[in-house]
């Protein structure tokens, strides 16, 4: 009489394992994507703070007024006389339409920037008028 030693898994067992793995991934994957997006937003905020600090120094050293205009996913820096200084885009942050002036003393007209999702971002660690 022939005897077969069965080793391995049957098709229903493999399908059940795949179902469990698929269910686990459907729960974990969106959480991972959200975490990555929040991390990217935090990195953009840190980069913005560094840029704004640099702009405060440039306004003070150049003895000029710089205006930062925010709208959507970009902000534009304008020198006195509406001469464009730079245009910067962001990927993960959306701004409400607003304007901040940086005086020749380096003081900013406002310390905060409002985002479209309702958050308020403390942009200037250095001196502000308000």
N, C-alpha and C. Protein backbone atom coordinates (compact mmCIF):
# COMPACT_ATOMS: atom_id res chain seq x y z
N UNK A 1 0.83 -1.15 0.00
CA UNK A 1 0.00 0.00 0.00
C UNK A 1 0.90 1.25 0.00
N UNK A 2 0.52 2.21 -0.85
CA UNK A 2 1.29 3.42 -0.95
C UNK A 2 0.78 4.45 0.05
N UNK A 3 1.71 5.07 0.70
CA UNK A 3 1.36 6.15 1.63
C UNK A 3 2.03 7.43 1.18
N UNK A 4 1.26 8.47 1.17
CA UNK A 4 1.81 9.78 0.79
C UNK A 4 1.94 10.62 2.05
N UNK A 5 3.09 11.16 2.22
CA UNK A 5 3.28 12.12 3.32
C UNK A 5 2.88 13.50 2.81
N UNK A 6 1.85 14.03 3.41
CA UNK A 6 1.40 15.35 2.99
C UNK A 6 2.14 16.42 3.79
N UNK A 7 2.85 17.24 3.09
CA UNK A 7 3.50 18.39 3.71
C UNK A 7 3.07 19.62 2.94
N UNK A 8 2.97 20.71 3.61
CA UNK A 8 2.54 21.93 2.95
C UNK A 8 1.14 22.31 3.34
N UNK A 9 0.62 23.31 2.65
CA UNK A 9 -0.69 23.84 2.98
C UNK A 9 -1.66 23.56 1.85
N UNK A 10 -2.89 23.43 2.20
CA UNK A 10 -3.92 23.24 1.18
C UNK A 10 -4.36 24.60 0.66
N UNK A 11 -5.06 24.61 -0.44
CA UNK A 11 -5.53 25.86 -1.04
C UNK A 11 -6.41 26.67 -0.10
N UNK A 12 -7.38 26.07 0.58
CA UNK A 12 -8.19 26.88 1.52
C UNK A 12 -7.35 27.50 2.64
N UNK A 13 -6.34 26.80 3.11
CA UNK A 13 -5.48 27.36 4.16
C UNK A 13 -4.70 28.57 3.63
N UNK A 14 -4.19 28.47 2.42
CA UNK A 14 -3.45 29.59 1.82
C UNK A 14 -4.38 30.79 1.62
N UNK A 15 -5.60 30.54 1.16
CA UNK A 15 -6.55 31.62 0.95
C UNK A 15 -6.91 32.32 2.25
N UNK A 16 -7.05 31.58 3.33
CA UNK A 16 -7.37 32.18 4.63
C UNK A 16 -6.21 33.05 5.10
N UNK A 17 -4.97 32.57 4.94
CA UNK A 17 -3.80 33.35 5.33
C UNK A 17 -3.73 34.63 4.51
N UNK A 18 -3.99 34.55 3.20
CA UNK A 18 -3.96 35.74 2.34
C UNK A 18 -5.06 36.72 2.73
N UNK A 19 -6.22 36.21 3.13
CA UNK A 19 -7.32 37.06 3.58
C UNK A 19 -6.94 37.82 4.84
N UNK A 20 -6.30 37.15 5.77
CA UNK A 20 -5.86 37.79 7.02
C UNK A 20 -4.81 38.85 6.73
N UNK A 21 -3.85 38.55 5.88
CA UNK A 21 -2.80 39.53 5.54
C UNK A 21 -3.41 40.73 4.82
N UNK A 22 -4.31 40.48 3.88
CA UNK A 22 -4.96 41.57 3.15
C UNK A 22 -5.77 42.46 4.06
N UNK A 23 -6.48 41.87 5.00
CA UNK A 23 -7.27 42.66 5.96
C UNK A 23 -6.36 43.52 6.83
N UNK A 24 -5.26 42.94 7.27
CA UNK A 24 -4.32 43.70 8.10
C UNK A 24 -3.73 44.88 7.33
N UNK A 25 -3.36 44.65 6.08
CA UNK A 25 -2.79 45.73 5.28
C UNK A 25 -3.81 46.82 4.99
N UNK A 26 -5.07 46.46 4.82
CA UNK A 26 -6.08 47.48 4.55
C UNK A 26 -6.32 48.38 5.76
N UNK A 27 -5.99 47.90 6.93
CA UNK A 27 -6.11 48.72 8.15
C UNK A 27 -4.86 49.56 8.36
N UNK A 28 -3.68 48.99 8.15
CA UNK A 28 -2.41 49.65 8.45
C UNK A 28 -2.00 50.64 7.37
N UNK A 29 -2.24 50.35 6.10
CA UNK A 29 -1.75 51.19 5.01
C UNK A 29 -2.26 52.63 5.09
N UNK A 30 -3.55 52.90 5.31
CA UNK A 30 -3.98 54.30 5.40
C UNK A 30 -3.34 55.04 6.58
N UNK A 31 -3.12 54.35 7.69
CA UNK A 31 -2.47 54.99 8.83
C UNK A 31 -1.04 55.39 8.49
N UNK A 32 -0.35 54.56 7.74
CA UNK A 32 1.02 54.84 7.34
C UNK A 32 1.07 56.02 6.39
N UNK A 33 0.15 56.06 5.44
CA UNK A 33 0.11 57.17 4.48
C UNK A 33 -0.17 58.49 5.21
N UNK A 34 -1.10 58.49 6.14
CA UNK A 34 -1.40 59.70 6.91
C UNK A 34 -0.19 60.15 7.73
N UNK A 35 0.51 59.20 8.33
CA UNK A 35 1.69 59.54 9.13
C UNK A 35 2.78 60.16 8.25
N UNK A 36 2.97 59.63 7.06
CA UNK A 36 3.97 60.18 6.15
C UNK A 36 3.58 61.60 5.73
N UNK A 37 2.30 61.81 5.45
CA UNK A 37 1.84 63.15 5.04
C UNK A 37 2.00 64.16 6.17
N UNK A 38 1.68 63.77 7.40
CA UNK A 38 1.86 64.68 8.53
C UNK A 38 3.34 65.01 8.73
N UNK A 39 4.20 64.04 8.53
CA UNK A 39 5.64 64.26 8.65
C UNK A 39 6.11 65.25 7.58
N UNK A 40 5.62 65.12 6.36
CA UNK A 40 5.99 66.04 5.29
C UNK A 40 5.51 67.46 5.61
N UNK A 41 4.32 67.58 6.20
CA UNK A 41 3.82 68.90 6.58
C UNK A 41 4.73 69.53 7.65
N UNK A 42 5.13 68.72 8.63
CA UNK A 42 6.02 69.24 9.68
C UNK A 42 7.36 69.69 9.09
N UNK A 43 7.88 68.93 8.13
CA UNK A 43 9.14 69.31 7.50
C UNK A 43 8.99 70.62 6.72
N UNK A 44 7.87 70.79 6.04
CA UNK A 44 7.64 72.04 5.32
C UNK A 44 7.53 73.22 6.29
N UNK A 45 6.90 73.01 7.43
CA UNK A 45 6.79 74.08 8.43
C UNK A 45 8.15 74.48 8.97
N UNK A 46 9.02 73.51 9.20
CA UNK A 46 10.37 73.81 9.68
C UNK A 46 11.14 74.59 8.61
N UNK A 47 10.99 74.19 7.36
CA UNK A 47 11.65 74.89 6.25
C UNK A 47 11.12 76.32 6.12
N UNK A 48 9.81 76.50 6.29
CA UNK A 48 9.23 77.84 6.23
C UNK A 48 9.79 78.75 7.33
N UNK A 49 9.88 78.21 8.53
CA UNK A 49 10.44 79.01 9.64
C UNK A 49 11.86 79.47 9.32
N UNK A 50 12.66 78.56 8.76
CA UNK A 50 14.03 78.92 8.42
C UNK A 50 14.06 79.99 7.32
N UNK A 51 13.19 79.85 6.32
CA UNK A 51 13.13 80.85 5.24
C UNK A 51 12.69 82.20 5.77
N UNK A 52 11.70 82.22 6.67
CA UNK A 52 11.21 83.48 7.19
C UNK A 52 12.25 84.17 8.08
N UNK A 53 13.00 83.40 8.82
CA UNK A 53 14.08 83.97 9.62
C UNK A 53 15.12 84.61 8.71
N UNK A 54 15.43 83.93 7.62
CA UNK A 54 16.38 84.49 6.64
C UNK A 54 15.83 85.77 6.03
N UNK A 55 14.54 85.80 5.71
CA UNK A 55 13.93 87.01 5.14
C UNK A 55 13.96 88.17 6.13
N UNK A 56 13.76 87.89 7.41
CA UNK A 56 13.86 88.96 8.41
C UNK A 56 15.27 89.55 8.42
N UNK A 57 16.26 88.68 8.35
CA UNK A 57 17.64 89.17 8.33
C UNK A 57 17.92 89.96 7.06
N UNK A 58 17.42 89.48 5.91
CA UNK A 58 17.64 90.19 4.65
C UNK A 58 16.97 91.57 4.66
N UNK A 59 15.78 91.66 5.23
CA UNK A 59 15.10 92.95 5.32
C UNK A 59 15.90 93.92 6.19
N UNK A 60 16.42 93.42 7.29
CA UNK A 60 17.19 94.27 8.20
C UNK A 60 18.52 94.69 7.57
N UNK A 61 19.21 93.75 6.97
CA UNK A 61 20.52 94.07 6.36
C UNK A 61 20.37 94.98 5.15
N UNK A 62 19.31 94.77 4.36
CA UNK A 62 19.09 95.58 3.17
C UNK A 62 18.33 96.86 3.44
N UNK A 63 17.91 97.06 4.69
CA UNK A 63 17.13 98.22 5.08
C UNK A 63 15.95 98.44 4.13
N UNK A 64 15.16 97.39 3.94
CA UNK A 64 14.02 97.44 3.01
C UNK A 64 12.84 96.69 3.58
N UNK A 65 11.67 96.98 3.03
CA UNK A 65 10.46 96.27 3.42
C UNK A 65 10.28 95.10 2.47
N UNK A 66 10.08 93.91 3.02
CA UNK A 66 9.75 92.73 2.23
C UNK A 66 8.32 92.34 2.56
N UNK A 67 7.54 92.02 1.54
CA UNK A 67 6.17 91.59 1.73
C UNK A 67 6.05 90.14 1.28
N UNK A 68 5.46 89.32 2.14
CA UNK A 68 5.22 87.91 1.80
C UNK A 68 3.73 87.75 1.54
N UNK A 69 3.38 87.33 0.33
CA UNK A 69 1.98 87.13 -0.05
C UNK A 69 1.72 85.63 -0.12
N UNK A 70 0.72 85.20 0.63
CA UNK A 70 0.37 83.78 0.69
C UNK A 70 -0.92 83.54 -0.07
N UNK A 71 -0.96 82.46 -0.82
CA UNK A 71 -2.20 82.06 -1.48
C UNK A 71 -2.05 80.62 -1.96
N UNK A 72 -2.97 79.78 -1.52
CA UNK A 72 -2.97 78.39 -1.96
C UNK A 72 -1.70 77.65 -1.55
N UNK A 73 -1.04 77.06 -2.52
CA UNK A 73 0.15 76.26 -2.24
C UNK A 73 1.44 76.99 -2.56
N UNK A 74 1.42 78.32 -2.56
CA UNK A 74 2.66 79.05 -2.78
C UNK A 74 2.66 80.37 -2.01
N UNK A 75 3.86 80.90 -1.86
CA UNK A 75 4.00 82.23 -1.28
C UNK A 75 5.05 82.98 -2.08
N UNK A 76 4.83 84.27 -2.20
CA UNK A 76 5.70 85.12 -3.01
C UNK A 76 6.28 86.19 -2.12
N UNK A 77 7.57 86.44 -2.26
CA UNK A 77 8.24 87.50 -1.53
C UNK A 77 8.45 88.66 -2.50
N UNK A 78 7.98 89.85 -2.10
CA UNK A 78 8.04 91.03 -2.95
C UNK A 78 8.82 92.11 -2.22
N UNK A 79 9.73 92.76 -2.96
CA UNK A 79 10.47 93.89 -2.40
C UNK A 79 9.65 95.16 -2.56
N UNK A 80 10.16 96.25 -1.99
CA UNK A 80 9.50 97.55 -2.15
C UNK A 80 9.35 97.85 -3.64
N UNK A 81 8.22 98.45 -4.00
CA UNK A 81 7.96 98.78 -5.39
C UNK A 81 7.42 97.60 -6.18
N UNK A 82 6.91 96.59 -5.51
CA UNK A 82 6.33 95.39 -6.13
C UNK A 82 7.30 94.64 -7.04
N UNK A 83 8.58 94.67 -6.70
CA UNK A 83 9.55 93.89 -7.46
C UNK A 83 9.58 92.48 -6.87
N UNK A 84 9.25 91.45 -7.67
CA UNK A 84 9.28 90.09 -7.15
C UNK A 84 10.68 89.69 -6.71
N UNK A 85 10.76 89.12 -5.55
CA UNK A 85 12.04 88.69 -4.99
C UNK A 85 12.17 87.19 -5.17
N UNK A 86 11.11 86.45 -4.82
CA UNK A 86 11.12 84.99 -5.02
C UNK A 86 9.68 84.47 -4.92
N UNK A 87 9.44 83.33 -5.57
CA UNK A 87 8.17 82.62 -5.49
C UNK A 87 8.49 81.21 -5.04
N UNK A 88 7.83 80.75 -4.00
CA UNK A 88 8.10 79.43 -3.45
C UNK A 88 6.82 78.61 -3.40
N UNK A 89 6.93 77.34 -3.75
CA UNK A 89 5.78 76.44 -3.70
C UNK A 89 5.98 75.44 -2.59
N UNK A 90 4.86 75.02 -2.01
CA UNK A 90 4.84 73.95 -1.03
C UNK A 90 3.89 72.87 -1.53
N UNK A 91 4.09 71.66 -1.09
CA UNK A 91 3.27 70.55 -1.57
C UNK A 91 2.16 70.16 -0.60
N UNK A 92 2.42 70.26 0.69
CA UNK A 92 1.52 69.69 1.68
C UNK A 92 0.76 70.73 2.50
N UNK A 93 1.09 72.00 2.37
CA UNK A 93 0.43 73.06 3.13
C UNK A 93 -0.36 73.94 2.18
N UNK A 94 -1.54 74.34 2.57
CA UNK A 94 -2.35 75.27 1.78
C UNK A 94 -2.62 76.50 2.64
N UNK A 95 -2.29 77.67 2.11
CA UNK A 95 -2.43 78.91 2.85
C UNK A 95 -3.73 79.62 2.48
N UNK A 96 -4.28 80.33 3.44
CA UNK A 96 -5.34 81.29 3.15
C UNK A 96 -4.67 82.52 2.52
N UNK A 97 -5.42 83.28 1.74
CA UNK A 97 -4.85 84.47 1.13
C UNK A 97 -4.58 85.50 2.22
N UNK A 98 -3.32 85.91 2.35
CA UNK A 98 -2.92 86.85 3.38
C UNK A 98 -1.58 87.46 3.02
N UNK A 99 -1.21 88.50 3.74
CA UNK A 99 0.01 89.23 3.45
C UNK A 99 0.70 89.58 4.77
N UNK A 100 2.01 89.43 4.81
CA UNK A 100 2.80 89.81 5.98
C UNK A 100 3.94 90.70 5.50
N UNK A 101 4.11 91.82 6.18
CA UNK A 101 5.22 92.72 5.86
C UNK A 101 6.34 92.52 6.86
N UNK A 102 7.56 92.54 6.36
CA UNK A 102 8.74 92.52 7.22
C UNK A 102 9.40 93.89 7.06
N UNK A 103 9.45 94.63 8.15
CA UNK A 103 9.95 96.00 8.15
C UNK A 103 11.48 96.02 8.06
N UNK A 104 12.05 97.17 7.74
CA UNK A 104 13.52 97.28 7.68
C UNK A 104 14.20 96.95 9.01
N UNK A 105 13.47 97.05 10.08
CA UNK A 105 14.04 96.69 11.38
C UNK A 105 14.08 95.17 11.57
N UNK A 106 13.44 94.42 10.66
CA UNK A 106 13.37 92.97 10.79
C UNK A 106 12.10 92.51 11.47
N UNK A 107 11.28 93.45 11.95
CA UNK A 107 10.02 93.09 12.60
C UNK A 107 8.99 92.66 11.57
N UNK A 108 8.26 91.59 11.87
CA UNK A 108 7.18 91.13 11.00
C UNK A 108 5.87 91.74 11.47
N UNK A 109 4.96 92.04 10.51
CA UNK A 109 3.69 92.66 10.87
C UNK A 109 2.76 91.69 11.58
N UNK A 110 2.99 90.41 11.43
CA UNK A 110 2.20 89.40 12.12
C UNK A 110 3.10 88.21 12.41
N UNK A 111 2.83 87.52 13.50
CA UNK A 111 3.66 86.37 13.87
C UNK A 111 3.08 85.05 13.36
N UNK A 112 1.84 85.08 12.90
CA UNK A 112 1.17 83.83 12.55
C UNK A 112 0.74 83.81 11.09
N UNK A 113 0.62 82.61 10.55
CA UNK A 113 0.11 82.37 9.21
C UNK A 113 -1.05 81.41 9.33
N UNK A 114 -2.15 81.72 8.66
CA UNK A 114 -3.32 80.85 8.72
C UNK A 114 -3.31 79.88 7.55
N UNK A 115 -3.55 78.61 7.86
CA UNK A 115 -3.62 77.58 6.84
C UNK A 115 -5.09 77.31 6.51
N UNK A 116 -5.34 76.74 5.33
CA UNK A 116 -6.72 76.49 4.89
C UNK A 116 -7.45 75.49 5.75
N UNK A 117 -6.71 74.58 6.39
CA UNK A 117 -7.37 73.58 7.22
C UNK A 117 -7.78 74.14 8.59
N UNK A 118 -7.55 75.44 8.80
CA UNK A 118 -7.95 76.07 10.05
C UNK A 118 -6.83 76.22 11.06
N UNK A 119 -5.70 75.58 10.80
CA UNK A 119 -4.57 75.70 11.71
C UNK A 119 -3.94 77.09 11.60
N UNK A 120 -3.34 77.52 12.70
CA UNK A 120 -2.59 78.77 12.72
C UNK A 120 -1.15 78.40 13.02
N UNK A 121 -0.26 78.84 12.16
CA UNK A 121 1.16 78.48 12.23
C UNK A 121 1.95 79.65 12.79
N UNK A 122 2.70 79.42 13.87
CA UNK A 122 3.56 80.43 14.46
C UNK A 122 4.83 80.50 13.61
N UNK A 123 4.87 81.47 12.69
CA UNK A 123 5.91 81.48 11.68
C UNK A 123 7.19 82.15 12.13
N UNK A 124 7.09 83.19 12.92
CA UNK A 124 8.26 83.98 13.25
C UNK A 124 8.62 83.80 14.70
N UNK A 125 9.79 83.19 14.94
CA UNK A 125 10.27 83.04 16.31
C UNK A 125 10.91 84.35 16.78
N UNK A 126 11.42 85.09 15.84
CA UNK A 126 12.07 86.36 16.19
C UNK A 126 11.02 87.44 16.39
N UNK A 127 11.44 88.66 16.28
CA UNK A 127 10.59 89.80 16.60
C UNK A 127 9.41 89.97 15.68
N UNK A 128 8.25 90.30 16.24
CA UNK A 128 7.06 90.67 15.48
C UNK A 128 6.41 91.87 16.14
N UNK A 129 5.57 92.52 15.34
CA UNK A 129 4.88 93.71 15.86
C UNK A 129 3.70 93.32 16.74
N UNK A 130 3.08 92.18 16.50
CA UNK A 130 1.90 91.79 17.27
C UNK A 130 2.22 90.61 18.15
